[in-house]
C-alpha atoms as a PDB file:
ATOM      1  CA  MET A   1      63.004 -22.530 -26.109  1.00  0.00           C
ATOM      2  CA  PRO A   2      65.877 -20.605 -24.524  1.00  0.00           C
ATOM      3  CA  VAL A   3      65.728 -16.888 -23.930  1.00  0.00           C
ATOM      4  CA  GLN A   4      67.385 -14.887 -26.701  1.00  0.00           C
ATOM      5  CA  SER A   5      70.117 -12.699 -25.276  1.00  0.00           C
ATOM      6  CA  HIS A   6      71.520  -9.538 -26.849  1.00  0.00           C
ATOM      7  CA  ARG A   7      74.401  -7.340 -25.700  1.00  0.00           C
ATOM      8  CA  ARG A   8      73.139  -3.751 -25.905  1.00  0.00           C
ATOM      9  CA  PRO A   9      75.381  -1.586 -23.689  1.00  0.00           C
ATOM     10  CA  GLU A  10      74.403   1.475 -25.741  1.00  0.00           C
ATOM     11  CA  LEU A  11      70.908   1.261 -24.191  1.00  0.00           C
ATOM     12  CA  ARG A  12      72.169   1.501 -20.597  1.00  0.00           C
ATOM     13  CA  ALA A  13      71.969   5.309 -20.357  1.00  0.00           C
ATOM     14  CA  SER A  14      68.336   5.418 -21.543  1.00  0.00           C
ATOM     15  CA  VAL A  15      67.344   2.549 -19.222  1.00  0.00           C
ATOM     16  CA  VAL A  16      69.027   4.200 -16.230  1.00  0.00           C
ATOM     17  CA  LYS A  17      67.107   7.382 -17.111  1.00  0.00           C
ATOM     18  CA  LEU A  18      63.852   5.363 -17.228  1.00  0.00           C
ATOM     19  CA  LEU A  19      64.645   3.834 -13.820  1.00  0.00           C
ATOM     20  CA  GLU A  20      65.063   7.315 -12.328  1.00  0.00           C
ATOM     21  CA  THR A  21      61.302   7.842 -12.813  1.00  0.00           C
ATOM     22  CA  LEU A  22      60.083   4.217 -12.792  1.00  0.00           C
ATOM     23  CA  VAL A  23      61.530   3.123  -9.443  1.00  0.00           C
ATOM     24  CA  PRO A  24      60.029   6.042  -7.445  1.00  0.00           C
ATOM     25  CA  ALA A  25      56.678   5.559  -9.222  1.00  0.00           C
ATOM     26  CA  VAL A  26      56.623   1.850  -8.354  1.00  0.00           C
ATOM     27  CA  ARG A  27      57.680   2.563  -4.770  1.00  0.00           C
ATOM     28  CA  ASP A  28      55.477   5.598  -4.017  1.00  0.00           C
ATOM     29  CA  GLY A  29      53.022   6.038  -6.891  1.00  0.00           C
ATOM     30  CA  GLY A  30      53.335   8.545  -9.694  1.00  0.00           C
ATOM     31  CA  GLU A  31      53.596   8.706 -13.461  1.00  0.00           C
ATOM     32  CA  VAL A  32      56.042   7.449 -16.089  1.00  0.00           C
ATOM     33  CA  PRO A  33      55.816   8.315 -19.801  1.00  0.00           C
ATOM     34  CA  LEU A  34      54.489   5.366 -21.791  1.00  0.00           C
ATOM     35  CA  LEU A  35      57.068   6.332 -24.418  1.00  0.00           C
ATOM     36  CA  SER A  36      59.906   5.502 -21.991  1.00  0.00           C
ATOM     37  CA  ILE A  37      58.414   2.095 -21.171  1.00  0.00           C
ATOM     38  CA  VAL A  38      57.900   1.186 -24.845  1.00  0.00           C
ATOM     39  CA  GLN A  39      61.425   2.297 -25.727  1.00  0.00           C
ATOM     40  CA  SER A  40      62.763  -0.221 -23.214  1.00  0.00           C
ATOM     41  CA  VAL A  41      60.916  -2.994 -25.097  1.00  0.00           C
ATOM     42  CA  ALA A  42      61.598  -1.712 -28.611  1.00  0.00           C
ATOM     43  CA  GLY A  43      65.293  -1.191 -27.933  1.00  0.00           C
ATOM     44  CA  ASP A  44      65.205   2.581 -28.444  1.00  0.00           C
ATOM     45  CA  ARG A  45      64.606   2.213 -32.225  1.00  0.00           C
ATOM     46  CA  LEU A  46      61.478   4.299 -32.562  1.00  0.00           C
ATOM     47  CA  LYS A  47      61.025   6.728 -35.428  1.00  0.00           C
ATOM     48  CA  PRO A  48      60.106  10.343 -34.558  1.00  0.00           C
ATOM     49  CA  GLU A  49      56.511   9.978 -35.833  1.00  0.00           C
ATOM     50  CA  VAL A  50      56.013   6.894 -33.635  1.00  0.00           C
ATOM     51  CA  GLN A  51      57.437   8.745 -30.648  1.00  0.00           C
ATOM     52  CA  LYS A  52      54.836  11.491 -31.218  1.00  0.00           C
ATOM     53  CA  HIS A  53      51.993   8.923 -31.105  1.00  0.00           C
ATOM     54  CA  LEU A  54      53.357   7.490 -27.876  1.00  0.00           C
ATOM     55  CA  GLU A  55      53.825  10.922 -26.334  1.00  0.00           C
ATOM     56  CA  ALA A  56      50.156  11.580 -27.130  1.00  0.00           C
ATOM     57  CA  ARG A  57      49.236   8.483 -25.078  1.00  0.00           C
ATOM     58  CA  GLY A  58      50.692  10.241 -22.052  1.00  0.00           C
ATOM     59  CA  ASN A  59      51.859   8.575 -18.866  1.00  0.00           C
ATOM     60  CA  ALA A  60      51.357   5.253 -17.176  1.00  0.00           C
ATOM     61  CA  VAL A  61      49.871   6.114 -13.786  1.00  0.00           C
ATOM     62  CA  PHE A  62      51.047   4.081 -10.785  1.00  0.00           C
ATOM     63  CA  ARG A  63      48.691   3.773  -7.772  1.00  0.00           C
ATOM     64  CA  ARG A  64      48.756   1.700  -4.621  1.00  0.00           C
ATOM     65  CA  GLU A  65      45.752  -0.611  -4.199  1.00  0.00           C
ATOM     66  CA  GLY A  66      46.142  -2.236  -0.797  1.00  0.00           C
ATOM     67  CA  GLU A  67      49.452  -4.108  -0.836  1.00  0.00           C
ATOM     68  CA  THR A  68      49.714  -3.980  -4.646  1.00  0.00           C
ATOM     69  CA  MET A  69      51.063  -1.232  -6.895  1.00  0.00           C
ATOM     70  CA  THR A  70      49.071  -1.059 -10.120  1.00  0.00           C
ATOM     71  CA  PHE A  71      49.604   0.921 -13.304  1.00  0.00           C
ATOM     72  CA  SER A  72      47.360   1.975 -16.163  1.00  0.00           C
ATOM     73  CA  ASN A  73      47.338   4.019 -19.360  1.00  0.00           C
ATOM     74  CA  GLU A  74      44.498   4.650 -21.781  1.00  0.00           C
ATOM     75  CA  GLY A  75      44.337   6.155 -25.251  1.00  0.00           C
ATOM     76  CA  PRO A  76      44.062   5.297 -28.913  1.00  0.00           C
ATOM     77  CA  ALA A  77      45.474   1.956 -30.027  1.00  0.00           C
ATOM     78  CA  VAL A  78      48.939   2.360 -31.557  1.00  0.00           C
ATOM     79  CA  ARG A  79      50.713   0.219 -34.187  1.00  0.00           C
ATOM     80  CA  ILE A  80      54.486   0.683 -34.386  1.00  0.00           C
ATOM     81  CA  PRO A  81      56.215  -0.874 -37.387  1.00  0.00           C
ATOM     82  CA  LEU A  82      59.666  -2.153 -36.408  1.00  0.00           C
ATOM     83  CA  LYS A  83      62.276  -4.000 -38.449  1.00  0.00           C
ATOM     84  CA  ARG A  84      61.197  -7.566 -37.563  1.00  0.00           C
ATOM     85  CA  PHE A  85      57.606  -7.113 -36.382  1.00  0.00           C
ATOM     86  CA  ASP A  86      54.900  -4.597 -35.529  1.00  0.00           C
ATOM     87  CA  LEU A  87      54.497  -3.531 -31.924  1.00  0.00           C
ATOM     88  CA  ARG A  88      50.865  -2.919 -30.978  1.00  0.00           C
ATOM     89  CA  ILE A  89      49.651  -1.078 -27.903  1.00  0.00           C
ATOM     90  CA  ALA A  90      46.141  -1.815 -26.682  1.00  0.00           C
ATOM     91  CA  PRO A  91      43.752   1.080 -25.992  1.00  0.00           C
ATOM     92  CA  ARG A  92      44.005   0.227 -22.289  1.00  0.00           C
ATOM     93  CA  VAL A  93      47.299  -0.952 -20.757  1.00  0.00           C
ATOM     94  CA  THR A  94      47.196  -2.163 -17.140  1.00  0.00           C
ATOM     95  CA  GLY A  95      49.063  -4.349 -14.715  1.00  0.00           C
ATOM     96  CA  GLU A  96      50.954  -4.655 -11.468  1.00  0.00           C
ATOM     97  CA  ALA A  97      54.431  -3.414 -10.585  1.00  0.00           C
ATOM     98  CA  ARG A  98      56.994  -4.266  -7.952  1.00  0.00           C
ATOM     99  CA  LEU A  99      60.550  -3.331  -7.103  1.00  0.00           C
ATOM    100  CA  VAL A 100      63.442  -5.724  -7.738  1.00  0.00           C
ATOM    101  CA  GLU A 101      67.124  -5.307  -7.010  1.00  0.00           C
ATOM    102  CA  GLY A 102      68.406  -2.530  -9.270  1.00  0.00           C
ATOM    103  CA  GLY A 103      65.039  -1.739 -10.857  1.00  0.00           C
ATOM    104  CA  ALA A 104      61.404  -2.758 -11.260  1.00  0.00           C
ATOM    105  CA  THR A 105      59.121  -5.373 -12.807  1.00  0.00           C
ATOM    106  CA  LEU A 106      55.886  -4.659 -14.672  1.00  0.00           C
ATOM    107  CA  ARG A 107      53.385  -7.539 -15.150  1.00  0.00           C
ATOM    108  CA  PHE A 108      50.612  -6.830 -17.651  1.00  0.00           C
ATOM    109  CA  ARG A 109      46.987  -7.980 -17.408  1.00  0.00           C
ATOM    110  CA  GLY A 110      45.723 -10.193 -20.213  1.00  0.00           C
ATOM    111  CA  ALA A 111      44.969  -8.292 -23.418  1.00  0.00           C
ATOM    112  CA  GLU A 112      45.643  -4.920 -21.744  1.00  0.00           C
ATOM    113  CA  THR A 113      49.243  -4.938 -22.891  1.00  0.00           C
ATOM    114  CA  LEU A 114      51.608  -4.568 -25.815  1.00  0.00           C
ATOM    115  CA  SER A 115      51.915  -7.260 -28.450  1.00  0.00           C
ATOM    116  CA  ALA A 116      54.283  -8.156 -31.251  1.00  0.00           C
ATOM    117  CA  SER A 117      52.727  -9.201 -34.532  1.00  0.00           C
ATOM    118  CA  LYS A 118      53.889 -10.344 -37.940  1.00  0.00           C
ATOM    119  CA  PHE A 119      51.334 -11.175 -40.614  1.00  0.00           C
ATOM    120  CA  LEU A 120      48.649 -13.288 -38.857  1.00  0.00           C
ATOM    121  CA  PHE A 121      50.835 -14.233 -35.869  1.00  0.00           C
ATOM    122  CA  SER A 122      50.660 -12.242 -32.626  1.00  0.00           C
ATOM    123  CA  VAL A 123      52.180 -12.701 -29.160  1.00  0.00           C
ATOM    124  CA  ARG A 124      51.431 -10.624 -26.052  1.00  0.00           C
ATOM    125  CA  LEU A 125      53.884  -9.016 -23.686  1.00  0.00           C
ATOM    126  CA  GLU A 126      53.437 -10.493 -20.210  1.00  0.00           C
ATOM    127  CA  GLY A 127      56.087  -8.518 -18.372  1.00  0.00           C
ATOM    128  CA  ILE A 128      59.179  -6.365 -18.355  1.00  0.00           C
ATOM    129  CA  GLU A 129      61.932  -6.416 -15.777  1.00  0.00           C
ATOM    130  CA  ALA A 130      64.216  -3.414 -16.125  1.00  0.00           C
ATOM    131  CA  THR A 131      67.357  -3.038 -14.036  1.00  0.00           C
ATOM    132  CA  ASP A 132      70.577  -1.112 -14.447  1.00  0.00           C
ATOM    133  CA  GLN A 133      72.155  -4.368 -15.693  1.00  0.00           C
ATOM    134  CA  ARG A 134      69.557  -5.823 -18.086  1.00  0.00           C
ATOM    135  CA  ILE A 135      66.057  -5.749 -19.490  1.00  0.00           C
ATOM    136  CA  LEU A 136      64.040  -8.961 -19.556  1.00  0.00           C
ATOM    137  CA  VAL A 137      61.118  -8.930 -21.979  1.00  0.00           C
ATOM    138  CA  ASP A 138      58.733 -11.764 -21.050  1.00  0.00           C
ATOM    139  CA  MET A 139      56.447 -12.725 -23.935  1.00  0.00           C
ATOM    140  CA  GLU A 140      53.469 -15.074 -23.714  1.00  0.00           C
ATOM    141  CA  GLY A 141      54.432 -18.695 -24.248  1.00  0.00           C
ATOM    142  CA  ASP A 142      58.110 -18.082 -23.402  1.00  0.00           C
ATOM    143  CA  SER A 143      59.186 -18.763 -27.014  1.00  0.00           C
ATOM    144  CA  PHE A 144      60.068 -15.144 -27.746  1.00  0.00           C
ATOM    145  CA  ASP A 145      61.514 -13.943 -24.432  1.00  0.00           C
ATOM    146  CA  GLN A 146      64.412 -11.520 -24.854  1.00  0.00           C
ATOM    147  CA  VAL A 147      67.184 -10.323 -22.539  1.00  0.00           C
ATOM    148  CA  PHE A 148      69.073  -7.147 -23.347  1.00  0.00           C
ATOM    149  CA  GLU A 149      72.355  -7.126 -21.415  1.00  0.00           C
ATOM    150  CA  LEU A 150      73.251  -3.495 -20.701  1.00  0.00           C
ATOM    151  CA  VAL A 151      76.808  -4.022 -19.419  1.00  0.00           C
END
């Protein structure tokens, strides 16, 4: 199934702000608020009470392990009701990160990720590529991949 594409130029400022902390963290190690990462996936449509739960989860911590940059975040599981589905955040979120032209890519490890669910159906987030031009949301199975064009 083809990737669903959406023009969302109004998100560009918040994504550029995310990249100001994400790119240095992926390059050198550091921390990025989990809230900022989730907003890039949720399209910046989070209610204030949901934002408070995500702020309580704290930061994703980026560390170099040999040649690989890893990231992790731990805290209580979070369920975020959105318009079309619920976004769920596992108690432990981990993966690997790398720089790409204009931004960074995050690849999540198995069940230690975010997932979208509706009724009994659930699909895991495999990766996010965020650049100053677009956000690619890579979902398991490729049927629900999304591209948000920022320009």
